[in-house]
């Protein structure tokens, strides 16, 4: 059979560039997953440090408030006592008895003084205890803060990890964009060459001429076609012209195809028909080759429809230009031998 159409080399370049883009994007997706995990670690570490700092500040403020309240209570108590002793009130009257040197009067004076300021003394004590507790809490929070702030190194490591992964993604995407540009350029070149190829093919097919077959070959084409209902004899004639010039050049091709219809020996063996009924099917015999070609086309759907016919011809030779050429010649044969 005829040669197989080869894909242009630049199409492979486009495909390779696309594959590189997909590979790069796959790496980007992997890095994105890693970056997400790194950001989660960064968030936990950073929040831990931030919360420690805030806790220390809150505890310090609470300690300051408690200390202020305790100091205020102490000042208030001192002022109260001073007023009581300086105001000339009940304590001052009691103090006059003390001037007489009476121990009993002195004791009574102490009791009265304790009753007057006892509640406030207890308040000062409570405020002082609260201030001490708050100070201890602040000291503990500050120690914890310093301990946690020591983990800022882990925050820096996590942040560097995130930044590194993001940088890698940017580099890969930049590289992917370069490949995408190469893909677009290659695709544009492919489209231009495809258009040129199509133009050349169309022009060449339009310039085709049929080669009249000999009476023997014409008869064989017309006799073999009905063995595949729906297969036009003109298709067999067109293939015969393209493959060997109706038997004028049945030599073996470089691919190993042989005979008037250029069968590969293995394909002929699978679809061989004894066209001249001499008891043997031979690849070089015109009758056997043409009947076998009809059988092969029919096995691939040639008689079912026009599209199926085109597909059957593509099985004969896997090239669209070959199919288009055969169909064009078949139409010309139909016009010339109608």
C-alpha atoms as a PDB file:
ATOM      1  CA  UNK A   1       0.000   0.000   0.000  1.00  0.00           C
ATOM      2  CA  UNK A   2       0.993   3.636  -0.359  1.00  0.00           C
ATOM      3  CA  UNK A   3       3.109   5.577   2.111  1.00  0.00           C
ATOM      4  CA  UNK A   4       1.741   6.846   5.434  1.00  0.00           C
ATOM      5  CA  UNK A   5       1.589  10.591   5.980  1.00  0.00           C
ATOM      6  CA  UNK A   6       4.106  11.696   8.593  1.00  0.00           C
ATOM      7  CA  UNK A   7       3.309  14.358  11.189  1.00  0.00           C
ATOM      8  CA  UNK A   8       5.374  17.535  10.703  1.00  0.00           C
ATOM      9  CA  UNK A   9       8.300  17.875  13.112  1.00  0.00           C
ATOM     10  CA  UNK A  10       7.137  21.211  14.527  1.00  0.00           C
ATOM     11  CA  UNK A  11       3.939  19.582  15.792  1.00  0.00           C
ATOM     12  CA  UNK A  12       6.095  17.448  18.081  1.00  0.00           C
ATOM     13  CA  UNK A  13       7.718  20.645  19.370  1.00  0.00           C
ATOM     14  CA  UNK A  14       4.302  22.057  20.249  1.00  0.00           C
ATOM     15  CA  UNK A  15       3.306  18.823  21.952  1.00  0.00           C
ATOM     16  CA  UNK A  16       6.550  18.739  23.897  1.00  0.00           C
ATOM     17  CA  UNK A  17       6.073  22.330  25.017  1.00  0.00           C
ATOM     18  CA  UNK A  18       2.527  21.531  26.136  1.00  0.00           C
ATOM     19  CA  UNK A  19       3.798  18.520  28.061  1.00  0.00           C
ATOM     20  CA  UNK A  20       6.356  20.715  29.800  1.00  0.00           C
ATOM     21  CA  UNK A  21       3.639  23.196  30.730  1.00  0.00           C
ATOM     22  CA  UNK A  22       1.517  20.415  32.224  1.00  0.00           C
ATOM     23  CA  UNK A  23       4.521  19.063  34.117  1.00  0.00           C
ATOM     24  CA  UNK A  24       5.332  22.517  35.482  1.00  0.00           C
ATOM     25  CA  UNK A  25       1.731  23.122  36.520  1.00  0.00           C
ATOM     26  CA  UNK A  26       1.708  19.751  38.272  1.00  0.00           C
ATOM     27  CA  UNK A  27       4.759  20.883  40.256  1.00  0.00           C
ATOM     28  CA  UNK A  28       3.030  24.175  41.034  1.00  0.00           C
ATOM     29  CA  UNK A  29       0.012  22.284  42.414  1.00  0.00           C
ATOM     30  CA  UNK A  30       2.325  20.205  44.600  1.00  0.00           C
ATOM     31  CA  UNK A  31       4.031  23.351  45.866  1.00  0.00           C
ATOM     32  CA  UNK A  32       0.662  24.954  46.565  1.00  0.00           C
ATOM     33  CA  UNK A  33      -0.255  22.025  48.808  1.00  0.00           C
ATOM     34  CA  UNK A  34       3.069  22.332  50.619  1.00  0.00           C
ATOM     35  CA  UNK A  35       2.640  26.095  50.925  1.00  0.00           C
ATOM     36  CA  UNK A  36      -0.801  25.608  52.474  1.00  0.00           C
ATOM     37  CA  UNK A  37       0.642  23.310  55.121  1.00  0.00           C
ATOM     38  CA  UNK A  38       3.538  25.718  55.713  1.00  0.00           C
ATOM     39  CA  UNK A  39       1.119  28.639  56.099  1.00  0.00           C
ATOM     40  CA  UNK A  40      -0.872  26.658  58.668  1.00  0.00           C
ATOM     41  CA  UNK A  41       2.318  26.041  60.680  1.00  0.00           C
ATOM     42  CA  UNK A  42       3.258  29.701  60.334  1.00  0.00           C
ATOM     43  CA  UNK A  43      -0.197  30.774  61.526  1.00  0.00           C
ATOM     44  CA  UNK A  44      -0.029  28.569  64.622  1.00  0.00           C
ATOM     45  CA  UNK A  45       3.492  29.711  65.544  1.00  0.00           C
ATOM     46  CA  UNK A  46       2.776  33.382  64.934  1.00  0.00           C
ATOM     47  CA  UNK A  47      -0.497  33.330  66.860  1.00  0.00           C
ATOM     48  CA  UNK A  48       1.231  31.604  69.766  1.00  0.00           C
ATOM     49  CA  UNK A  49       3.814  34.389  70.001  1.00  0.00           C
ATOM     50  CA  UNK A  50       1.215  37.133  69.528  1.00  0.00           C
ATOM     51  CA  UNK A  51      -1.056  35.643  72.194  1.00  0.00           C
ATOM     52  CA  UNK A  52       1.864  35.388  74.620  1.00  0.00           C
ATOM     53  CA  UNK A  53       2.735  39.033  74.087  1.00  0.00           C
ATOM     54  CA  UNK A  54      -0.883  40.067  74.569  1.00  0.00           C
ATOM     55  CA  UNK A  55      -1.218  37.921  77.705  1.00  0.00           C
ATOM     56  CA  UNK A  56       1.858  39.531  79.230  1.00  0.00           C
ATOM     57  CA  UNK A  57       0.534  42.998  78.486  1.00  0.00           C
ATOM     58  CA  UNK A  58      -2.912  42.188  79.925  1.00  0.00           C
ATOM     59  CA  UNK A  59      -1.419  40.683  83.094  1.00  0.00           C
ATOM     60  CA  UNK A  60       0.921  43.632  83.524  1.00  0.00           C
ATOM     61  CA  UNK A  61      -1.971  46.064  83.227  1.00  0.00           C
ATOM     62  CA  UNK A  62      -3.994  44.077  85.755  1.00  0.00           C
ATOM     63  CA  UNK A  63      -1.032  44.084  88.149  1.00  0.00           C
ATOM     64  CA  UNK A  64      -0.620  47.836  87.757  1.00  0.00           C
ATOM     65  CA  UNK A  65      -4.325  48.411  88.471  1.00  0.00           C
ATOM     66  CA  UNK A  66      -4.197  46.175  91.568  1.00  0.00           C
ATOM     67  CA  UNK A  67      -1.058  47.927  92.857  1.00  0.00           C
ATOM     68  CA  UNK A  68      -2.675  51.319  92.301  1.00  0.00           C
ATOM     69  CA  UNK A  69      -5.811  50.228  94.106  1.00  0.00           C
ATOM     70  CA  UNK A  70      -3.767  48.873  97.048  1.00  0.00           C
ATOM     71  CA  UNK A  71      -1.736  52.088  97.289  1.00  0.00           C
ATOM     72  CA  UNK A  72      -4.920  54.156  97.175  1.00  0.00           C
ATOM     73  CA  UNK A  73      -6.451  52.057  99.936  1.00  0.00           C
ATOM     74  CA  UNK A  74      -3.358  52.502 102.089  1.00  0.00           C
ATOM     75  CA  UNK A  75      -3.327  56.257 101.498  1.00  0.00           C
ATOM     76  CA  UNK A  76      -7.027  56.457 102.327  1.00  0.00           C
ATOM     77  CA  UNK A  77      -6.476  54.520 105.530  1.00  0.00           C
ATOM     78  CA  UNK A  78      -3.596  56.755 106.581  1.00  0.00           C
ATOM     79  CA  UNK A  79      -5.681  59.839 105.908  1.00  0.00           C
ATOM     80  CA  UNK A  80      -8.602  58.427 107.914  1.00  0.00           C
ATOM     81  CA  UNK A  81      -6.445  57.713 110.900  1.00  0.00           C
ATOM     82  CA  UNK A  82      -4.827  61.106 110.713  1.00  0.00           C
ATOM     83  CA  UNK A  83      -8.217  62.809 110.565  1.00  0.00           C
ATOM     84  CA  UNK A  84      -9.523  60.815 113.479  1.00  0.00           C
ATOM     85  CA  UNK A  85      -6.646  61.798 115.667  1.00  0.00           C
ATOM     86  CA  UNK A  86      -6.528  65.382 114.563  1.00  0.00           C
ATOM     87  CA  UNK A  87     -10.222  66.227 114.328  1.00  0.00           C
ATOM     88  CA  UNK A  88     -10.990  66.428 118.063  1.00  0.00           C
ATOM     89  CA  UNK A  89     -13.654  63.750 117.752  1.00  0.00           C
ATOM     90  CA  UNK A  90     -14.304  60.833 120.083  1.00  0.00           C
ATOM     91  CA  UNK A  91     -10.679  59.692 119.874  1.00  0.00           C
ATOM     92  CA  UNK A  92      -9.440  63.103 120.884  1.00  0.00           C
ATOM     93  CA  UNK A  93     -11.763  63.033 123.932  1.00  0.00           C
ATOM     94  CA  UNK A  94     -10.516  59.604 124.833  1.00  0.00           C
ATOM     95  CA  UNK A  95      -6.974  60.783 124.415  1.00  0.00           C
ATOM     96  CA  UNK A  96      -7.536  63.288 127.300  1.00  0.00           C
ATOM     97  CA  UNK A  97      -8.018  60.404 129.670  1.00  0.00           C
ATOM     98  CA  UNK A  98      -4.742  58.957 128.543  1.00  0.00           C
ATOM     99  CA  UNK A  99      -3.043  62.126 129.582  1.00  0.00           C
ATOM    100  CA  UNK A 100      -4.050  61.201 133.093  1.00  0.00           C
ATOM    101  CA  UNK A 101      -1.984  58.066 132.760  1.00  0.00           C
ATOM    102  CA  UNK A 102      -4.867  55.649 133.061  1.00  0.00           C
ATOM    103  CA  UNK A 103      -3.954  52.313 131.440  1.00  0.00           C
ATOM    104  CA  UNK A 104      -7.608  51.372 131.225  1.00  0.00           C
ATOM    105  CA  UNK A 105      -8.350  54.555 129.340  1.00  0.00           C
ATOM    106  CA  UNK A 106      -5.496  53.846 126.949  1.00  0.00           C
ATOM    107  CA  UNK A 107      -6.848  50.397 126.228  1.00  0.00           C
ATOM    108  CA  UNK A 108     -10.326  51.794 125.654  1.00  0.00           C
ATOM    109  CA  UNK A 109      -8.862  54.305 123.244  1.00  0.00           C
ATOM    110  CA  UNK A 110      -7.146  51.531 121.236  1.00  0.00           C
ATOM    111  CA  UNK A 111     -10.355  49.544 121.019  1.00  0.00           C
ATOM    112  CA  UNK A 112     -12.249  52.555 119.782  1.00  0.00           C
ATOM    113  CA  UNK A 113      -9.572  53.308 117.208  1.00  0.00           C
ATOM    114  CA  UNK A 114      -9.521  49.731 115.964  1.00  0.00           C
ATOM    115  CA  UNK A 115     -13.276  49.734 115.576  1.00  0.00           C
ATOM    116  CA  UNK A 116     -13.178  53.009 113.697  1.00  0.00           C
ATOM    117  CA  UNK A 117     -10.652  51.914 111.094  1.00  0.00           C
ATOM    118  CA  UNK A 118     -10.780  48.099 111.294  1.00  0.00           C
ATOM    119  CA  UNK A 119     -12.971  47.622 108.228  1.00  0.00           C
ATOM    120  CA  UNK A 120     -10.751  49.881 106.180  1.00  0.00           C
ATOM    121  CA  UNK A 121      -7.646  48.066 107.410  1.00  0.00           C
ATOM    122  CA  UNK A 122      -9.136  44.798 106.210  1.00  0.00           C
ATOM    123  CA  UNK A 123      -9.860  46.453 102.856  1.00  0.00           C
ATOM    124  CA  UNK A 124      -6.240  47.583 102.626  1.00  0.00           C
ATOM    125  CA  UNK A 125      -5.093  44.056 103.437  1.00  0.00           C
ATOM    126  CA  UNK A 126      -7.348  42.543 100.771  1.00  0.00           C
ATOM    127  CA  UNK A 127      -6.174  45.109  98.222  1.00  0.00           C
ATOM    128  CA  UNK A 128      -2.547  44.398  99.101  1.00  0.00           C
ATOM    129  CA  UNK A 129      -3.058  40.633  98.722  1.00  0.00           C
ATOM    130  CA  UNK A 130      -4.827  41.148  95.381  1.00  0.00           C
ATOM    131  CA  UNK A 131      -1.987  43.360  94.194  1.00  0.00           C
ATOM    132  CA  UNK A 132       0.526  40.692  95.194  1.00  0.00           C
ATOM    133  CA  UNK A 133      -1.413  37.962  93.354  1.00  0.00           C
ATOM    134  CA  UNK A 134      -1.738  40.171  90.256  1.00  0.00           C
ATOM    135  CA  UNK A 135       1.985  40.927  90.395  1.00  0.00           C
ATOM    136  CA  UNK A 136       2.791  37.228  90.545  1.00  0.00           C
ATOM    137  CA  UNK A 137       0.438  36.566  87.620  1.00  0.00           C
ATOM    138  CA  UNK A 138       2.093  39.347  85.650  1.00  0.00           C
ATOM    139  CA  UNK A 139       5.538  37.981  86.443  1.00  0.00           C
ATOM    140  CA  UNK A 140       4.460  34.495  85.340  1.00  0.00           C
ATOM    141  CA  UNK A 141       2.863  35.845  82.157  1.00  0.00           C
ATOM    142  CA  UNK A 142       6.005  37.810  81.376  1.00  0.00           C
ATOM    143  CA  UNK A 143       8.147  34.719  81.894  1.00  0.00           C
ATOM    144  CA  UNK A 144       5.854  32.728  79.644  1.00  0.00           C
ATOM    145  CA  UNK A 145       5.927  35.523  77.120  1.00  0.00           C
ATOM    146  CA  UNK A 146       9.713  35.507  77.040  1.00  0.00           C
ATOM    147  CA  UNK A 147       9.627  31.740  76.725  1.00  0.00           C
ATOM    148  CA  UNK A 148       7.122  31.860  73.880  1.00  0.00           C
ATOM    149  CA  UNK A 149       8.835  34.763  72.203  1.00  0.00           C
ATOM    150  CA  UNK A 150      11.817  32.459  72.078  1.00  0.00           C
ATOM    151  CA  UNK A 151       9.790  30.484  69.568  1.00  0.00           C
ATOM    152  CA  UNK A 152       9.875  33.418  67.174  1.00  0.00           C
ATOM    153  CA  UNK A 153      12.742  31.587  65.568  1.00  0.00           C
ATOM    154  CA  UNK A 154      10.259  28.878  64.603  1.00  0.00           C
ATOM    155  CA  UNK A 155       7.972  31.615  63.276  1.00  0.00           C
ATOM    156  CA  UNK A 156      10.845  32.907  61.155  1.00  0.00           C
ATOM    157  CA  UNK A 157      11.565  29.402  59.889  1.00  0.00           C
ATOM    158  CA  UNK A 158       7.892  28.873  59.020  1.00  0.00           C
ATOM    159  CA  UNK A 159       7.708  32.267  57.320  1.00  0.00           C
ATOM    160  CA  UNK A 160      10.855  31.559  55.319  1.00  0.00           C
ATOM    161  CA  UNK A 161       9.370  28.205  54.287  1.00  0.00           C
ATOM    162  CA  UNK A 162       6.198  29.861  53.019  1.00  0.00           C
ATOM    163  CA  UNK A 163       8.142  32.564  51.186  1.00  0.00           C
ATOM    164  CA  UNK A 164      10.417  29.976  49.627  1.00  0.00           C
ATOM    165  CA  UNK A 165       7.513  27.901  48.349  1.00  0.00           C
ATOM    166  CA  UNK A 166       5.782  30.981  46.951  1.00  0.00           C
ATOM    167  CA  UNK A 167       8.997  32.012  45.207  1.00  0.00           C
ATOM    168  CA  UNK A 168       9.318  28.551  43.673  1.00  0.00           C
ATOM    169  CA  UNK A 169       5.749  28.752  42.401  1.00  0.00           C
ATOM    170  CA  UNK A 170       6.387  32.138  40.811  1.00  0.00           C
ATOM    171  CA  UNK A 171       9.507  30.789  39.090  1.00  0.00           C
ATOM    172  CA  UNK A 172       7.677  27.721  37.775  1.00  0.00           C
ATOM    173  CA  UNK A 173       4.733  29.776  36.536  1.00  0.00           C
ATOM    174  CA  UNK A 174       7.115  32.153  34.810  1.00  0.00           C
ATOM    175  CA  UNK A 175       8.777  29.189  33.145  1.00  0.00           C
ATOM    176  CA  UNK A 176       5.382  27.742  32.238  1.00  0.00           C
ATOM    177  CA  UNK A 177       4.396  31.052  30.645  1.00  0.00           C
ATOM    178  CA  UNK A 178       7.536  30.913  28.522  1.00  0.00           C
ATOM    179  CA  UNK A 179       6.597  27.422  27.402  1.00  0.00           C
ATOM    180  CA  UNK A 180       3.036  28.558  26.776  1.00  0.00           C
ATOM    181  CA  UNK A 181       4.397  31.304  24.561  1.00  0.00           C
ATOM    182  CA  UNK A 182       6.415  28.653  22.759  1.00  0.00           C
ATOM    183  CA  UNK A 183       3.279  26.524  22.439  1.00  0.00           C
ATOM    184  CA  UNK A 184       1.293  29.400  20.987  1.00  0.00           C
ATOM    185  CA  UNK A 185       4.100  30.219  18.584  1.00  0.00           C
ATOM    186  CA  UNK A 186       4.440  26.574  17.537  1.00  0.00           C
ATOM    187  CA  UNK A 187       0.668  26.243  17.158  1.00  0.00           C
ATOM    188  CA  UNK A 188       0.573  29.355  14.994  1.00  0.00           C
ATOM    189  CA  UNK A 189       3.362  27.931  12.844  1.00  0.00           C
ATOM    190  CA  UNK A 190       1.546  24.607  12.702  1.00  0.00           C
ATOM    191  CA  UNK A 191      -1.679  26.303  11.637  1.00  0.00           C
ATOM    192  CA  UNK A 192       0.156  28.213   8.917  1.00  0.00           C
ATOM    193  CA  UNK A 193       1.904  25.090   7.655  1.00  0.00           C
ATOM    194  CA  UNK A 194      -1.321  23.097   7.860  1.00  0.00           C
ATOM    195  CA  UNK A 195      -3.014  25.729   5.737  1.00  0.00           C
ATOM    196  CA  UNK A 196      -0.129  25.616   3.283  1.00  0.00           C
ATOM    197  CA  UNK A 197      -0.240  21.833   3.253  1.00  0.00           C
ATOM    198  CA  UNK A 198      -3.971  21.878   2.658  1.00  0.00           C
ATOM    199  CA  UNK A 199      -3.539  24.380  -0.163  1.00  0.00           C
ATOM    200  CA  UNK A 200      -0.830  22.265  -1.786  1.00  0.00           C
ATOM    201  CA  UNK A 201      -2.929  19.115  -1.402  1.00  0.00           C
ATOM    202  CA  UNK A 202      -6.031  20.747  -2.813  1.00  0.00           C
ATOM    203  CA  UNK A 203      -4.130  22.238  -5.731  1.00  0.00           C
ATOM    204  CA  UNK A 204      -2.381  18.968  -6.492  1.00  0.00           C
ATOM    205  CA  UNK A 205      -5.598  16.962  -6.355  1.00  0.00           C
ATOM    206  CA  UNK A 206      -7.341  19.518  -8.556  1.00  0.00           C
ATOM    207  CA  UNK A 207      -4.617  18.968 -11.170  1.00  0.00           C
ATOM    208  CA  UNK A 208      -5.020  15.182 -11.295  1.00  0.00           C
ATOM    209  CA  UNK A 209      -5.779  13.318 -14.518  1.00  0.00           C
ATOM    210  CA  UNK A 210      -7.042   9.808 -14.838  1.00  0.00           C
ATOM    211  CA  UNK A 211      -4.945   7.158 -16.514  1.00  0.00           C
ATOM    212  CA  UNK A 212      -7.199   4.969 -18.653  1.00  0.00           C
ATOM    213  CA  UNK A 213      -6.825   1.338 -17.554  1.00  0.00           C
ATOM    214  CA  UNK A 214      -6.348  -1.469 -20.022  1.00  0.00           C
ATOM    215  CA  UNK A 215      -9.408  -3.455 -21.004  1.00  0.00           C
ATOM    216  CA  UNK A 216      -8.208  -6.263 -18.716  1.00  0.00           C
ATOM    217  CA  UNK A 217      -7.895  -4.028 -15.689  1.00  0.00           C
ATOM    218  CA  UNK A 218     -11.116  -2.147 -16.423  1.00  0.00           C
ATOM    219  CA  UNK A 219     -12.964  -5.449 -16.608  1.00  0.00           C
ATOM    220  CA  UNK A 220     -11.418  -6.674 -13.367  1.00  0.00           C
ATOM    221  CA  UNK A 221     -12.329  -3.463 -11.506  1.00  0.00           C
ATOM    222  CA  UNK A 222     -15.914  -3.650 -12.719  1.00  0.00           C
ATOM    223  CA  UNK A 223     -16.214  -7.366 -11.970  1.00  0.00           C
ATOM    224  CA  UNK A 224     -14.642  -7.248  -8.509  1.00  0.00           C
ATOM    225  CA  UNK A 225     -16.672  -4.294  -7.178  1.00  0.00           C
ATOM    226  CA  UNK A 226     -20.034  -6.140  -6.947  1.00  0.00           C
ATOM    227  CA  UNK A 227     -18.463  -8.660  -4.544  1.00  0.00           C
ATOM    228  CA  UNK A 228     -18.767  -5.775  -2.057  1.00  0.00           C
ATOM    229  CA  UNK A 229     -22.294  -4.371  -2.454  1.00  0.00           C
ATOM    230  CA  UNK A 230     -22.140  -0.568  -2.484  1.00  0.00           C
ATOM    231  CA  UNK A 231     -18.460  -0.343  -3.449  1.00  0.00           C
ATOM    232  CA  UNK A 232     -18.017   1.697  -6.694  1.00  0.00           C
ATOM    233  CA  UNK A 233     -15.686   0.082  -9.196  1.00  0.00           C
ATOM    234  CA  UNK A 234     -14.213   3.539  -9.741  1.00  0.00           C
ATOM    235  CA  UNK A 235     -12.621   3.400  -6.265  1.00  0.00           C
ATOM    236  CA  UNK A 236     -10.804   0.191  -7.208  1.00  0.00           C
ATOM    237  CA  UNK A 237      -9.691   1.877 -10.427  1.00  0.00           C
ATOM    238  CA  UNK A 238      -8.473   4.956  -8.564  1.00  0.00           C
ATOM    239  CA  UNK A 239      -6.465   2.816  -6.115  1.00  0.00           C
ATOM    240  CA  UNK A 240      -5.075   0.785  -8.993  1.00  0.00           C
ATOM    241  CA  UNK A 241      -3.904   3.972 -10.732  1.00  0.00           C
ATOM    242  CA  UNK A 242      -2.304   5.448  -7.607  1.00  0.00           C
ATOM    243  CA  UNK A 243      -0.625   2.216  -6.515  1.00  0.00           C
ATOM    244  CA  UNK A 244       0.796   0.839  -9.744  1.00  0.00           C
ATOM    245  CA  UNK A 245      -0.610   2.754 -12.712  1.00  0.00           C
ATOM    246  CA  UNK A 246      -2.990  -0.149 -13.420  1.00  0.00           C
ATOM    247  CA  UNK A 247      -0.208  -2.720 -13.267  1.00  0.00           C
ATOM    248  CA  UNK A 248       2.341  -0.708 -15.194  1.00  0.00           C
ATOM    249  CA  UNK A 249       4.627  -0.554 -12.146  1.00  0.00           C
ATOM    250  CA  UNK A 250       3.853  -3.441  -9.752  1.00  0.00           C
ATOM    251  CA  UNK A 251       7.348  -3.554  -8.246  1.00  0.00           C
ATOM    252  CA  UNK A 252       7.920  -3.973  -4.516  1.00  0.00           C
ATOM    253  CA  UNK A 253       7.968  -0.707  -2.604  1.00  0.00           C
ATOM    254  CA  UNK A 254      10.556   0.296  -0.004  1.00  0.00           C
ATOM    255  CA  UNK A 255       8.022  -0.630   2.699  1.00  0.00           C
ATOM    256  CA  UNK A 256       7.590  -4.111   1.230  1.00  0.00           C
ATOM    257  CA  UNK A 257       4.224  -3.618  -0.522  1.00  0.00           C
ATOM    258  CA  UNK A 258       3.860  -5.722  -3.653  1.00  0.00           C
ATOM    259  CA  UNK A 259       1.797  -6.254  -6.810  1.00  0.00           C
ATOM    260  CA  UNK A 260      -0.689  -4.209  -8.829  1.00  0.00           C
ATOM    261  CA  UNK A 261      -2.627  -3.131  -5.715  1.00  0.00           C
ATOM    262  CA  UNK A 262       0.493  -2.821  -3.500  1.00  0.00           C
ATOM    263  CA  UNK A 263      -0.466  -5.174  -0.705  1.00  0.00           C
ATOM    264  CA  UNK A 264       1.753  -5.949   2.223  1.00  0.00           C
ATOM    265  CA  UNK A 265       2.229  -9.730   2.082  1.00  0.00           C
ATOM    266  CA  UNK A 266       0.721 -10.254   5.548  1.00  0.00           C
ATOM    267  CA  UNK A 267      -2.365  -8.196   4.667  1.00  0.00           C
ATOM    268  CA  UNK A 268      -2.788 -10.008   1.363  1.00  0.00           C
ATOM    269  CA  UNK A 269      -2.546 -13.375   3.106  1.00  0.00           C
ATOM    270  CA  UNK A 270      -5.366 -12.319   5.480  1.00  0.00           C
ATOM    271  CA  UNK A 271      -7.728 -11.061   2.729  1.00  0.00           C
ATOM    272  CA  UNK A 272      -6.577 -12.996  -0.355  1.00  0.00           C
ATOM    273  CA  UNK A 273      -9.188 -13.925  -2.959  1.00  0.00           C
ATOM    274  CA  UNK A 274      -8.634 -16.228  -5.951  1.00  0.00           C
ATOM    275  CA  UNK A 275      -9.984 -13.752  -8.492  1.00  0.00           C
ATOM    276  CA  UNK A 276      -9.274 -15.788 -11.620  1.00  0.00           C
ATOM    277  CA  UNK A 277     -10.336 -19.091 -10.057  1.00  0.00           C
ATOM    278  CA  UNK A 278      -7.132 -20.902 -10.934  1.00  0.00           C
ATOM    279  CA  UNK A 279      -6.916 -22.491  -7.531  1.00  0.00           C
ATOM    280  CA  UNK A 280      -4.391 -20.150  -5.997  1.00  0.00           C
ATOM    281  CA  UNK A 281      -4.275 -16.513  -4.855  1.00  0.00           C
ATOM    282  CA  UNK A 282      -1.144 -14.671  -5.839  1.00  0.00           C
ATOM    283  CA  UNK A 283      -0.192 -11.172  -4.782  1.00  0.00           C
ATOM    284  CA  UNK A 284       1.300 -10.311  -8.181  1.00  0.00           C
ATOM    285  CA  UNK A 285      -1.694 -11.616 -10.179  1.00  0.00           C
ATOM    286  CA  UNK A 286      -3.972  -8.697 -11.299  1.00  0.00           C
ATOM    287  CA  UNK A 287      -7.235 -10.605 -10.802  1.00  0.00           C
ATOM    288  CA  UNK A 288      -6.260 -11.935  -7.393  1.00  0.00           C
ATOM    289  CA  UNK A 289      -4.926  -8.524  -6.281  1.00  0.00           C
ATOM    290  CA  UNK A 290      -7.996  -6.538  -7.413  1.00  0.00           C
ATOM    291  CA  UNK A 291     -10.543  -8.999  -5.939  1.00  0.00           C
ATOM    292  CA  UNK A 292      -8.521  -9.071  -2.717  1.00  0.00           C
ATOM    293  CA  UNK A 293      -8.564  -5.266  -2.626  1.00  0.00           C
ATOM    294  CA  UNK A 294     -12.354  -5.306  -2.919  1.00  0.00           C
ATOM    295  CA  UNK A 295     -12.513  -7.834  -0.090  1.00  0.00           C
ATOM    296  CA  UNK A 296     -10.207  -5.754   2.129  1.00  0.00           C
ATOM    297  CA  UNK A 297     -12.158  -2.515   1.513  1.00  0.00           C
ATOM    298  CA  UNK A 298     -15.435  -4.279   2.168  1.00  0.00           C
ATOM    299  CA  UNK A 299     -14.154  -5.734   5.432  1.00  0.00           C
ATOM    300  CA  UNK A 300     -13.481  -2.164   6.544  1.00  0.00           C
ATOM    301  CA  UNK A 301     -16.987  -0.946   5.707  1.00  0.00           C
ATOM    302  CA  UNK A 302     -16.546   0.345   2.139  1.00  0.00           C
ATOM    303  CA  UNK A 303     -20.052  -0.576   0.984  1.00  0.00           C
ATOM    304  CA  UNK A 304     -22.035   0.911   3.872  1.00  0.00           C
ATOM    305  CA  UNK A 305     -21.916   4.683   3.229  1.00  0.00           C
ATOM    306  CA  UNK A 306     -19.811   7.468   1.771  1.00  0.00           C
ATOM    307  CA  UNK A 307     -18.173   8.207   5.124  1.00  0.00           C
ATOM    308  CA  UNK A 308     -17.554   4.501   5.674  1.00  0.00           C
ATOM    309  CA  UNK A 309     -16.007   4.354   2.205  1.00  0.00           C
ATOM    310  CA  UNK A 310     -13.612   7.148   3.146  1.00  0.00           C
ATOM    311  CA  UNK A 311     -12.641   5.305   6.334  1.00  0.00           C
ATOM    312  CA  UNK A 312     -12.078   2.096   4.384  1.00  0.00           C
ATOM    313  CA  UNK A 313      -9.705   3.935   2.044  1.00  0.00           C
ATOM    314  CA  UNK A 314      -7.873   5.304   5.090  1.00  0.00           C
ATOM    315  CA  UNK A 315      -7.386   1.707   6.229  1.00  0.00           C
ATOM    316  CA  UNK A 316      -5.835   0.986   2.841  1.00  0.00           C
ATOM    317  CA  UNK A 317      -3.409   3.862   3.366  1.00  0.00           C
ATOM    318  CA  UNK A 318      -3.445   5.873   6.587  1.00  0.00           C
ATOM    319  CA  UNK A 319      -3.251   9.304   4.982  1.00  0.00           C
ATOM    320  CA  UNK A 320      -5.976  11.859   4.351  1.00  0.00           C
ATOM    321  CA  UNK A 321      -4.271  13.068   1.176  1.00  0.00           C
ATOM    322  CA  UNK A 322      -4.405   9.482  -0.140  1.00  0.00           C
ATOM    323  CA  UNK A 323      -8.112   9.204   0.644  1.00  0.00           C
ATOM    324  CA  UNK A 324      -8.852  12.567  -0.993  1.00  0.00           C
ATOM    325  CA  UNK A 325      -6.812  11.654  -4.045  1.00  0.00           C
ATOM    326  CA  UNK A 326      -8.557   8.290  -4.488  1.00  0.00           C
ATOM    327  CA  UNK A 327     -12.009   9.845  -4.093  1.00  0.00           C
ATOM    328  CA  UNK A 328     -11.158  12.611  -6.564  1.00  0.00           C
ATOM    329  CA  UNK A 329      -9.905  10.114  -9.164  1.00  0.00           C
ATOM    330  CA  UNK A 330     -12.949   7.889  -8.546  1.00  0.00           C
ATOM    331  CA  UNK A 331     -15.224  10.856  -9.296  1.00  0.00           C
ATOM    332  CA  UNK A 332     -13.299  11.547 -12.488  1.00  0.00           C
ATOM    333  CA  UNK A 333     -13.540   7.892 -13.540  1.00  0.00           C
ATOM    334  CA  UNK A 334     -17.273   7.963 -12.919  1.00  0.00           C
ATOM    335  CA  UNK A 335     -17.586  11.037 -15.168  1.00  0.00           C
ATOM    336  CA  UNK A 336     -15.423   9.594 -17.915  1.00  0.00           C
ATOM    337  CA  UNK A 337     -16.960   6.107 -17.956  1.00  0.00           C
ATOM    338  CA  UNK A 338     -20.588   6.942 -17.319  1.00  0.00           C
END
